[in-house]
Protein backbone atom coordinates (compact mmCIF):
# COMPACT_ATOMS: atom_id res chain seq x y z
CA MET A 1 122.79 102.94 82.98
CA ALA A 2 119.88 103.24 81.02
CA MET A 3 117.39 101.40 83.14
CA GLN A 4 118.82 102.98 86.49
CA LYS A 5 117.81 106.46 84.65
CA LYS A 6 114.79 105.01 83.70
CA MET A 7 114.15 103.56 87.33
CA LYS A 8 114.94 106.95 88.24
CA SER A 9 112.78 108.78 86.48
CA SER A 10 109.47 106.46 86.93
CA SER A 11 109.38 107.47 90.97
CA LYS A 12 109.71 111.02 90.04
CA SER A 13 107.46 113.47 91.97
CA ARG A 14 105.25 116.04 90.67
CA VAL A 15 104.13 119.30 92.47
CA LEU A 16 99.56 119.03 91.83
CA THR A 17 97.04 122.22 91.90
CA ASP A 18 93.97 121.74 89.91
CA PRO A 19 91.16 120.43 91.45
CA GLU A 20 90.60 117.73 89.01
CA GLU A 21 93.91 116.35 88.63
CA ILE A 22 94.49 115.69 92.87
CA ARG A 23 91.57 113.90 92.94
CA ARG A 24 91.99 111.42 90.50
CA TRP A 25 94.71 111.05 91.94
CA ALA A 26 93.05 109.96 95.40
CA GLU A 27 90.32 108.27 94.35
CA GLU A 28 92.83 106.50 91.97
CA ARG A 29 94.20 104.89 95.34
CA GLY A 30 91.52 105.37 97.79
CA ALA A 31 92.30 108.13 99.41
CA ARG A 32 89.50 110.65 101.31
CA PRO A 33 89.90 113.90 101.94
CA ALA A 34 90.84 114.54 105.77
CA CYS A 35 91.69 117.22 108.05
CA VAL A 36 93.84 116.70 111.20
CA LYS A 37 91.36 116.10 114.41
CA GLY A 38 92.05 119.05 116.90
CA THR A 39 94.09 121.76 114.50
CA GLY A 40 90.62 123.73 113.02
CA GLY A 41 88.57 125.99 114.40
CA GLY A 42 86.34 129.09 113.83
CA GLY A 43 85.75 127.85 110.33
CA ASP A 44 88.95 126.69 109.64
CA VAL A 45 89.13 123.13 108.68
CA GLY A 46 92.82 123.02 109.77
CA MET A 47 95.83 121.19 108.36
CA ILE A 48 94.96 119.03 105.77
CA ARG A 49 95.71 114.82 105.16
CA LEU A 50 95.02 112.74 102.66
CA ASP A 51 93.75 109.36 104.80
CA PHE A 52 94.53 106.40 102.79
CA PRO A 53 92.16 103.17 103.98
CA GLY A 54 94.07 100.27 106.19
CA PHE A 55 96.99 103.50 107.36
CA SER A 56 97.12 105.19 110.86
CA GLY A 57 95.08 107.94 109.84
CA GLU A 58 91.37 106.56 112.02
CA GLU A 59 92.35 107.98 115.33
CA SER A 60 93.93 111.37 114.15
CA LEU A 61 92.19 112.04 110.89
CA GLN A 62 88.57 113.12 110.47
CA ARG A 63 87.25 113.23 107.01
CA ILE A 64 86.16 116.17 105.72
CA SER A 65 84.14 117.21 101.99
CA TRP A 66 86.69 118.00 98.96
CA ASP A 67 84.99 121.09 98.79
CA ASP A 68 86.73 122.36 102.03
CA TRP A 69 89.57 120.30 101.84
CA PHE A 70 90.23 122.00 98.21
CA GLU A 71 89.35 125.76 99.46
CA GLU A 72 91.84 125.23 102.75
CA LEU A 73 94.55 124.58 100.16
CA GLU A 74 93.66 127.81 98.12
CA GLU A 75 93.23 129.73 101.58
CA LYS A 76 96.71 128.48 102.64
CA ASN A 77 98.14 128.99 98.89
CA LEU A 78 98.94 124.82 99.62
CA ALA A 79 100.37 122.13 96.48
CA LEU A 80 99.89 118.24 96.82
CA VAL A 81 103.03 116.56 95.65
CA VAL A 82 102.56 113.31 94.60
CA GLN A 83 105.09 109.94 93.10
CA ASP A 84 103.03 108.00 90.75
CA THR A 85 104.43 105.53 91.17
CA THR A 86 107.21 103.67 92.91
CA ALA A 87 110.80 103.03 91.50
CA SER A 88 110.23 99.81 91.22
CA GLY A 89 106.89 99.88 89.17
CA GLU A 90 104.18 100.30 91.91
CA LYS A 91 101.42 102.28 92.80
CA SER A 92 102.97 104.91 95.04
CA ASN A 93 100.75 106.77 98.21
CA PHE A 94 103.62 109.28 98.73
CA ASN A 95 101.79 112.98 98.68
CA LYS A 96 102.83 115.61 100.47
CA ILE A 97 101.17 118.90 101.32
CA VAL A 98 104.08 121.82 100.26
CA SER A 99 104.01 125.60 100.33
CA ARG A 100 103.43 126.61 96.44
CA GLU A 101 106.02 129.03 97.39
CA THR A 102 108.71 126.86 98.22
CA VAL A 103 107.68 124.52 95.16
CA GLU A 104 108.02 127.38 92.71
CA GLU A 105 111.46 128.43 95.00
CA GLU A 106 112.53 125.73 94.11
């Protein structure tokens, strides 16, 4: 029983809004700030994402600066939900960009 509980807590997700903490989490995994091509315009970078090496983002994502990425995060009142490790203890890349309002309601 105790082992199951420990495994479950190790794969728990957490919400990040602090730029330094987000950047550190992403860079530990080789991720770079990006936006989805074709979603921005008029000074808006569009939908932001994290681009991980070796994944399919090459065709749909465009790299942007951390400053632009964080500006969009703040302007749209977004947060990054992350998982540090998987249930088996491996480093996890799981992340999801969500509305801060949604997270605060939970």
